[in-house]
Amino acid sequence: MDRQHDMEMTDLSKGLSSEEAARRLKEFGPNTIEEREEGWFIRLLKRFWGPIPWMIEAAALLSALVGRWEDFTIITVLLLVNALVDFYQESKALSAISVLKRKLANRALVLRDGEWRQLPAAQLVPGDVIKVKIGDIVPADAKLAGGGEFLLVDQSALTGESLPVTKKEGEELYSNAVVKQGEMVAVVLRTGKNTYFGKTVGLVAKAEQEERSHFQKMVISVGNFLIAVTVVMIAIILYTGFSRHEPAVELIVFSLVLTISAIPVAMPAVLTVTMAAGARTLAAKDAIVSRLAAIEELAGMDILCSDKTGTLTQNRMTLAEPFVVEGFGADDLFFYAALASREENADPIEVPIFEHLDHHGLRRRLSGCRQKRFIPFDPVKNGQRLL
């Protein structure tokens, strides 16, 4: 089905019906971009690959060659414990990340069956009528269809434009752009991997090469240094032993002892458990840690710049003691504030206003009013007027 045809067939006053939306959701799929996740078996095998695991495996092989099965068993158990502890802690961290991602799922204001509803952005389909306003993240590629004069949109992360651009009726919005000013109704054109953002992610995924963190580089450097020292010492021992015509079995046993003593067998488990404990502590505070090694990188930061709102606060607006002029009361103030707002937008600034109306039984005063024109709040213009 052609997206442009979907838009033309959509009733802007009622939106799609639930049945039609369900049919299109089945046809086009959810409005999400699939993440490539490694299977548990691959993640487990990676625990046996690397400088330190190689040393442990070499020691186990040497033990088997000389028939020292007690040492072979102990070394193998240590190798498995290191791998399983690492795998288990990472799995718990990934589970915490999954829970937080679901908790932070994006939502959209959608017109379905003639009613505005707050729905998960993943349920959007081509042809859906949505409303975007200041502060919103555009949930899908869409075409503006009126309901306002203009939008000022920041799409620099997608197009590289340094400044927000003005969008008017008939122009397209890109998924994941941020609305800086204005409020308008739009019709969804593309969802999921078919969006401009989805195609960008696909291109990046093809060229992406994971960069090792400072922590990982240091661990690998330590492992490489120990391997180099051990190999050199074993080479000297074997050369000297063979020169003296000593038994090969004794030389292998001595090399085995040296290899085992040079291996920090507990280091991988200790490092992983330490970082996993930090990840769990951060997860309890709603901080997503997608890579355990990132914790060490964060600990090495000197300055952290962060937006305060919703990051260090409860992300919830509350009403302070109102200031009113003579002849008006607090109820009058919030009544007029409600007239200048739209409840279906669920704007964080406006939600406490309607909560105040419900708490004080003032909702009935709104029933006698009819909104002829709505001009959304513009912090730039309103701030200039105040100055």
Protein backbone atom coordinates (compact mmCIF):
# COMPACT_ATOMS: atom_id res chain seq x y z
CA MET A 1 0.00 0.00 0.00
CA ASP A 2 1.36 3.40 -0.96
CA ARG A 3 2.01 5.75 1.99
CA GLN A 4 0.79 8.81 0.14
CA HIS A 5 -2.45 6.98 -0.63
CA ASP A 6 -2.76 6.13 3.07
CA MET A 7 -2.55 9.80 3.92
CA GLU A 8 -5.13 10.87 1.38
CA MET A 9 -7.59 8.25 2.60
CA THR A 10 -7.24 9.24 6.28
CA ASP A 11 -10.07 11.24 7.86
CA LEU A 12 -8.28 14.02 9.76
CA SER A 13 -11.27 14.51 12.05
CA LYS A 14 -11.52 10.87 13.15
CA GLY A 15 -8.21 9.25 12.34
CA LEU A 16 -7.97 5.52 11.72
CA SER A 17 -10.30 3.00 13.27
CA SER A 18 -8.87 0.46 15.69
CA GLU A 19 -9.60 -2.34 13.21
CA GLU A 20 -7.83 -0.58 10.34
CA ALA A 21 -4.87 0.30 12.59
CA ALA A 22 -4.57 -3.35 13.64
CA ARG A 23 -4.63 -4.47 10.01
CA ARG A 24 -1.92 -1.99 9.02
CA LEU A 25 0.17 -2.89 12.06
CA LYS A 26 0.11 -6.50 10.88
CA GLU A 27 1.01 -5.42 7.35
CA PHE A 28 3.77 -2.91 8.08
CA GLY A 29 4.99 -4.21 11.44
CA PRO A 30 5.63 -2.24 14.65
CA ASN A 31 7.15 1.21 14.56
CA THR A 32 10.47 0.05 16.00
CA ILE A 33 13.99 -0.49 14.78
CA GLU A 34 15.24 -3.96 15.58
CA GLU A 35 18.47 -4.17 17.56
CA ARG A 36 20.99 -6.79 16.62
CA GLU A 37 21.58 -8.78 19.80
CA GLU A 38 24.06 -11.62 20.12
CA GLY A 39 22.71 -14.97 21.24
CA TRP A 40 23.60 -16.30 24.66
CA PHE A 41 25.79 -19.05 23.14
CA ILE A 42 27.99 -16.55 21.26
CA ARG A 43 28.29 -14.33 24.34
CA LEU A 44 29.32 -17.38 26.40
CA LEU A 45 31.95 -18.49 23.88
CA LYS A 46 33.54 -15.02 23.94
CA ARG A 47 34.43 -15.63 27.61
CA PHE A 48 36.92 -18.26 26.45
CA TRP A 49 38.62 -15.95 23.93
CA GLY A 50 41.32 -13.46 24.88
CA PRO A 51 44.84 -13.22 26.31
CA ILE A 52 44.04 -14.31 29.88
CA PRO A 53 41.67 -17.17 28.89
CA TRP A 54 44.33 -18.35 26.44
CA MET A 55 46.86 -18.59 29.25
CA ILE A 56 44.46 -20.55 31.43
CA GLU A 57 43.61 -22.86 28.54
CA ALA A 58 47.34 -23.36 27.81
CA ALA A 59 47.93 -24.34 31.42
CA ALA A 60 45.08 -26.83 31.26
CA LEU A 61 46.50 -28.31 28.05
CA LEU A 62 49.95 -28.68 29.60
CA SER A 63 48.42 -30.40 32.64
CA ALA A 64 46.66 -32.89 30.38
CA LEU A 65 49.85 -33.56 28.39
CA VAL A 66 51.82 -34.59 31.49
CA GLY A 67 48.89 -36.47 33.01
CA ARG A 68 48.37 -34.17 36.00
CA TRP A 69 44.62 -34.54 36.04
CA GLU A 70 44.16 -32.93 39.45
CA ASP A 71 45.75 -29.72 38.14
CA PHE A 72 43.78 -30.05 34.89
CA THR A 73 40.51 -30.31 36.83
CA ILE A 74 41.28 -27.34 39.08
CA ILE A 75 42.38 -25.12 36.18
CA THR A 76 39.34 -26.10 34.09
CA VAL A 77 37.01 -25.36 37.00
CA LEU A 78 38.62 -21.92 37.45
CA LEU A 79 38.26 -21.22 33.73
CA LEU A 80 34.58 -22.19 33.79
CA VAL A 81 33.91 -20.20 36.96
CA ASN A 82 35.46 -17.07 35.44
CA ALA A 83 33.45 -17.46 32.23
CA LEU A 84 30.14 -18.30 33.93
CA VAL A 85 30.37 -15.52 36.52
CA ASP A 86 31.16 -13.00 33.78
CA PHE A 87 28.32 -14.33 31.61
CA TYR A 88 25.82 -14.37 34.49
CA GLN A 89 26.58 -10.83 35.65
CA GLU A 90 26.39 -9.44 32.11
CA SER A 91 23.08 -11.23 31.54
CA LYS A 92 21.64 -9.62 34.68
CA ALA A 93 22.87 -6.22 33.53
CA LEU A 94 21.32 -6.74 30.08
CA SER A 95 18.04 -7.74 31.73
CA ALA A 96 18.06 -4.53 33.77
CA ILE A 97 18.72 -2.54 30.60
CA SER A 98 15.81 -4.25 28.85
CA VAL A 99 13.45 -3.36 31.71
CA LEU A 100 14.56 0.26 31.70
CA LYS A 101 14.17 0.57 27.94
CA ARG A 102 10.59 -0.66 28.20
CA LYS A 103 10.00 1.77 31.05
CA LEU A 104 11.37 4.66 28.98
CA ALA A 105 9.41 3.70 25.86
CA ASN A 106 8.34 6.67 23.71
CA ARG A 107 4.66 7.53 23.43
CA ALA A 108 2.64 9.50 20.90
CA LEU A 109 -0.65 11.42 20.86
CA VAL A 110 -2.75 9.61 18.23
CA LEU A 111 -6.28 10.16 16.87
CA ARG A 112 -8.03 6.78 16.86
CA ASP A 113 -11.77 6.22 16.46
CA GLY A 114 -12.33 9.97 16.72
CA GLU A 115 -10.57 10.26 20.12
CA TRP A 116 -7.10 11.48 21.02
CA ARG A 117 -5.16 8.78 22.84
CA GLN A 118 -1.70 8.42 24.32
CA LEU A 119 -0.31 5.25 22.69
CA PRO A 120 3.15 3.66 22.54
CA ALA A 121 4.99 4.93 19.48
CA ALA A 122 5.57 1.31 18.45
CA GLN A 123 1.84 1.00 17.63
CA LEU A 124 1.86 3.77 15.01
CA VAL A 125 1.06 2.78 11.44
CA PRO A 126 1.11 4.69 8.10
CA GLY A 127 -2.02 6.82 7.90
CA ASP A 128 -2.28 7.51 11.63
CA VAL A 129 -3.16 11.08 12.60
CA ILE A 130 -0.81 12.34 15.31
CA LYS A 131 -0.27 15.63 17.09
CA VAL A 132 3.23 16.99 17.71
CA LYS A 133 4.01 19.98 19.90
CA ILE A 134 6.89 21.77 21.57
CA GLY A 135 9.25 19.37 23.31
CA ASP A 136 7.98 16.26 21.49
CA ILE A 137 10.19 13.78 19.68
CA VAL A 138 8.62 13.01 16.30
CA PRO A 139 7.66 9.30 16.53
CA ALA A 140 7.66 8.51 12.79
CA ASP A 141 8.09 10.13 9.38
CA ALA A 142 4.96 12.22 8.86
CA LYS A 143 3.42 14.94 6.70
CA LEU A 144 2.04 18.07 8.35
CA ALA A 145 -1.70 18.44 7.80
CA GLY A 146 -2.64 21.65 9.60
CA GLY A 147 -3.93 22.39 13.08
CA GLY A 148 -1.34 25.14 13.50
CA GLU A 149 0.70 27.76 11.69
CA PHE A 150 4.19 26.25 11.73
CA LEU A 151 6.69 24.07 13.56
CA LEU A 152 10.29 24.81 14.39
CA VAL A 153 12.08 21.46 14.28
CA ASP A 154 15.59 20.45 15.33
CA GLN A 155 16.68 17.65 13.00
CA SER A 156 20.43 18.24 13.24
CA ALA A 157 21.11 14.69 14.44
CA LEU A 158 19.59 13.38 11.20
CA THR A 159 20.53 15.93 8.54
CA GLY A 160 23.50 17.79 10.03
CA GLU A 161 21.73 21.16 9.86
CA SER A 162 23.15 23.41 12.58
CA LEU A 163 19.92 25.35 13.24
CA PRO A 164 16.26 24.32 13.66
CA VAL A 165 14.21 24.49 10.48
CA THR A 166 10.69 25.80 9.94
CA LYS A 167 8.08 23.28 8.76
CA LYS A 168 4.67 24.27 7.41
CA GLU A 169 1.58 22.40 6.26
CA GLY A 170 2.36 19.91 3.52
CA GLU A 171 6.01 19.45 4.50
CA GLU A 172 7.52 16.29 5.96
CA LEU A 173 8.82 15.61 9.46
CA TYR A 174 11.53 13.05 10.11
CA SER A 175 11.34 10.48 12.86
CA ASN A 176 13.32 11.37 16.03
CA ALA A 177 13.51 15.07 15.19
CA VAL A 178 12.71 17.36 18.15
CA VAL A 179 9.94 19.98 18.02
CA LYS A 180 11.27 23.28 19.37
CA GLN A 181 8.26 25.53 18.72
CA GLY A 182 4.67 25.23 17.59
CA GLU A 183 1.98 22.59 17.48
CA MET A 184 0.44 20.85 14.45
CA VAL A 185 -1.38 17.74 13.31
CA ALA A 186 0.42 15.33 11.00
CA VAL A 187 -0.26 12.09 9.15
CA VAL A 188 2.23 9.25 9.46
CA LEU A 189 3.90 8.31 6.18
CA ARG A 190 6.58 5.78 7.17
CA THR A 191 7.34 3.78 10.29
CA GLY A 192 10.12 1.60 11.71
CA LYS A 193 13.06 0.76 9.49
CA ASN A 194 11.42 2.55 6.51
CA THR A 195 11.83 5.97 8.16
CA TYR A 196 14.68 8.30 7.37
CA PHE A 197 16.11 7.59 10.82
CA GLY A 198 15.72 3.83 10.34
CA LYS A 199 17.66 3.89 7.09
CA THR A 200 20.38 5.98 8.73
CA VAL A 201 20.71 3.48 11.55
CA GLY A 202 20.98 0.68 9.02
CA LEU A 203 23.86 2.41 7.23
CA VAL A 204 25.66 3.12 10.49
CA ALA A 205 25.24 -0.49 11.64
CA LYS A 206 27.00 -1.75 8.51
CA ALA A 207 30.04 0.44 9.05
CA GLU A 208 30.13 0.29 12.85
CA GLN A 209 33.26 -1.05 14.48
CA GLU A 210 33.16 -1.27 18.23
CA GLU A 211 35.94 0.73 19.86
CA ARG A 212 37.58 -0.77 22.93
CA SER A 213 37.31 1.29 26.09
CA HIS A 214 40.32 2.49 28.08
CA PHE A 215 39.56 -0.18 30.66
CA GLN A 216 39.53 -2.98 28.10
CA LYS A 217 42.77 -1.74 26.55
CA MET A 218 44.47 -1.79 29.95
CA VAL A 219 43.28 -5.34 30.73
CA ILE A 220 44.47 -6.55 27.32
CA SER A 221 47.82 -4.80 27.84
CA VAL A 222 48.27 -6.54 31.18
CA GLY A 223 47.38 -9.89 29.63
CA ASN A 224 49.73 -9.37 26.69
CA PHE A 225 52.57 -8.38 29.02
CA LEU A 226 52.10 -11.48 31.18
CA ILE A 227 51.93 -13.71 28.11
CA ALA A 228 55.13 -12.19 26.69
CA VAL A 229 57.03 -12.55 29.96
CA THR A 230 55.80 -16.12 30.48
CA VAL A 231 56.67 -17.19 26.92
CA VAL A 232 60.18 -15.71 27.21
CA MET A 233 60.83 -17.40 30.56
CA ILE A 234 59.50 -20.77 29.35
CA ALA A 235 61.68 -20.49 26.24
CA ILE A 236 64.74 -19.85 28.40
CA ILE A 237 63.84 -22.77 30.70
CA LEU A 238 63.31 -25.17 27.79
CA TYR A 239 66.54 -24.08 26.06
CA THR A 240 68.55 -24.46 29.25
CA GLY A 241 66.90 -27.78 30.15
CA PHE A 242 67.41 -29.36 26.75
CA SER A 243 71.02 -28.14 26.74
CA ARG A 244 71.54 -30.03 30.00
CA HIS A 245 69.68 -33.09 28.65
CA GLU A 246 67.05 -32.91 31.41
CA PRO A 247 63.84 -35.02 31.07
CA ALA A 248 61.21 -33.40 28.86
CA VAL A 249 58.41 -34.28 31.30
CA GLU A 250 60.09 -32.35 34.11
CA LEU A 251 60.58 -29.35 31.85
CA ILE A 252 56.89 -29.39 30.87
CA VAL A 253 55.85 -29.67 34.52
CA PHE A 254 58.09 -26.74 35.44
CA SER A 255 56.68 -24.73 32.54
CA LEU A 256 53.19 -25.62 33.76
CA VAL A 257 53.93 -24.32 37.25
CA LEU A 258 55.36 -21.10 35.82
CA THR A 259 52.34 -20.60 33.52
CA ILE A 260 49.85 -21.14 36.34
CA SER A 261 51.71 -18.76 38.66
CA ALA A 262 51.76 -16.05 35.99
CA ILE A 263 48.01 -16.20 35.31
CA PRO A 264 45.76 -13.83 37.33
CA VAL A 265 42.95 -16.40 37.27
CA ALA A 266 40.65 -14.40 39.52
CA MET A 267 41.09 -11.05 37.73
CA PRO A 268 38.37 -11.49 35.07
CA ALA A 269 35.79 -12.57 37.65
CA VAL A 270 36.70 -9.82 40.11
CA LEU A 271 36.57 -7.10 37.45
CA THR A 272 33.29 -8.33 36.01
CA VAL A 273 31.58 -8.70 39.39
CA THR A 274 32.76 -5.23 40.44
CA MET A 275 31.40 -3.56 37.31
CA ALA A 276 28.20 -5.60 37.34
CA ALA A 277 27.55 -4.50 40.93
CA GLY A 278 28.01 -0.91 39.79
CA ALA A 279 25.64 -1.47 36.87
CA ARG A 280 22.96 -2.84 39.20
CA THR A 281 23.35 0.16 41.51
CA LEU A 282 22.97 2.53 38.56
CA ALA A 283 20.01 0.53 37.20
CA ALA A 284 18.23 0.96 40.54
CA LYS A 285 18.51 4.71 39.91
CA ASP A 286 17.10 4.38 36.37
CA ALA A 287 20.49 4.80 34.67
CA ILE A 288 20.97 2.55 31.64
CA VAL A 289 24.39 0.88 31.37
CA SER A 290 24.60 -0.78 27.97
CA ARG A 291 28.28 -1.77 28.35
CA LEU A 292 29.87 -2.73 31.67
CA ALA A 293 33.21 -1.21 30.63
CA ALA A 294 31.47 2.18 30.34
CA ILE A 295 31.28 2.37 34.14
CA GLU A 296 35.05 2.64 34.41
CA GLU A 297 35.07 5.27 31.66
CA LEU A 298 32.44 7.27 33.53
CA ALA A 299 34.44 7.05 36.76
CA GLY A 300 37.38 8.66 34.96
CA MET A 301 35.42 11.77 33.94
CA ASP A 302 36.43 15.12 35.43
CA ILE A 303 33.38 17.14 34.33
CA LEU A 304 29.86 15.90 33.55
CA CYS A 305 27.45 18.34 31.88
CA SER A 306 23.82 17.29 32.21
CA ASP A 307 20.38 18.78 31.65
CA LYS A 308 18.73 19.07 35.06
CA THR A 309 15.08 18.61 34.13
CA GLY A 310 14.01 14.98 34.38
CA THR A 311 17.61 13.85 34.86
CA LEU A 312 18.31 15.02 38.39
CA THR A 313 14.70 15.76 39.35
CA GLN A 314 11.41 13.82 39.43
CA ASN A 315 10.46 15.04 35.94
CA ARG A 316 7.11 16.21 37.28
CA MET A 317 5.69 19.73 37.42
CA THR A 318 3.86 21.01 40.53
CA LEU A 319 1.98 24.22 41.26
CA ALA A 320 3.45 26.89 43.52
CA GLU A 321 1.51 29.51 45.47
CA PRO A 322 -0.32 31.52 42.78
CA PHE A 323 0.03 35.30 42.44
CA VAL A 324 -3.22 37.09 41.50
CA VAL A 325 -4.16 40.72 41.16
CA GLU A 326 -7.03 42.39 42.97
CA GLY A 327 -10.44 41.18 41.86
CA PHE A 328 -9.30 37.68 40.88
CA GLY A 329 -8.73 34.52 42.87
CA ALA A 330 -6.53 31.47 42.43
CA ASP A 331 -9.43 29.53 40.89
CA ASP A 332 -9.85 32.24 38.26
CA LEU A 333 -6.16 32.06 37.42
CA PHE A 334 -6.21 28.30 36.84
CA PHE A 335 -9.52 28.50 34.95
CA TYR A 336 -8.06 30.93 32.41
CA ALA A 337 -4.85 28.90 32.29
CA ALA A 338 -6.93 25.84 31.37
CA LEU A 339 -8.63 27.79 28.59
CA ALA A 340 -5.20 28.52 27.15
CA SER A 341 -4.24 24.84 27.26
CA ARG A 342 -5.22 21.58 25.61
CA GLU A 343 -5.70 18.68 27.98
CA GLU A 344 -5.24 16.00 25.31
CA ASN A 345 -1.68 17.19 24.75
CA ALA A 346 -0.70 15.98 28.23
CA ASP A 347 1.92 18.74 28.34
CA PRO A 348 3.94 18.47 31.60
CA ILE A 349 3.41 22.19 32.25
CA GLU A 350 -0.36 21.99 31.72
CA VAL A 351 -1.13 18.70 33.51
CA PRO A 352 -1.01 20.28 37.04
CA ILE A 353 -3.51 22.93 35.89
CA PHE A 354 -6.17 20.37 35.02
CA GLU A 355 -5.35 18.42 38.18
CA HIS A 356 -6.10 21.59 40.14
CA LEU A 357 -9.45 21.97 38.35
CA ASP A 358 -10.43 18.38 39.20
CA HIS A 359 -9.30 18.72 42.81
CA HIS A 360 -11.33 21.90 43.34
CA GLY A 361 -14.37 20.91 41.29
CA LEU A 362 -13.88 23.60 38.64
CA ARG A 363 -14.16 21.34 35.61
CA ARG A 364 -17.80 22.33 34.97
CA ARG A 365 -16.76 25.93 34.24
CA LEU A 366 -14.97 24.75 31.10
CA SER A 367 -18.10 23.20 29.60
CA GLY A 368 -19.56 26.60 28.75
CA CYS A 369 -16.52 27.73 26.78
CA ARG A 370 -15.61 27.06 23.15
CA GLN A 371 -12.11 27.46 21.78
CA LYS A 372 -12.00 29.36 18.48
CA ARG A 373 -8.25 29.53 18.00
CA PHE A 374 -5.28 28.05 19.78
CA ILE A 375 -1.78 29.54 19.74
CA PRO A 376 0.74 27.16 21.35
CA PHE A 377 3.20 28.45 23.91
CA ASP A 378 6.41 29.82 22.41
CA PRO A 379 9.17 30.33 25.02
CA VAL A 380 11.16 32.61 22.70
CA LYS A 381 8.34 35.04 21.83
CA ASN A 382 6.80 34.95 25.30
CA GLY A 383 10.21 35.59 26.87
CA GLN A 384 10.78 38.56 24.57
CA ARG A 385 7.41 40.04 25.58
CA LEU A 386 8.30 39.74 29.25
CA LEU A 387 11.61 41.50 28.64
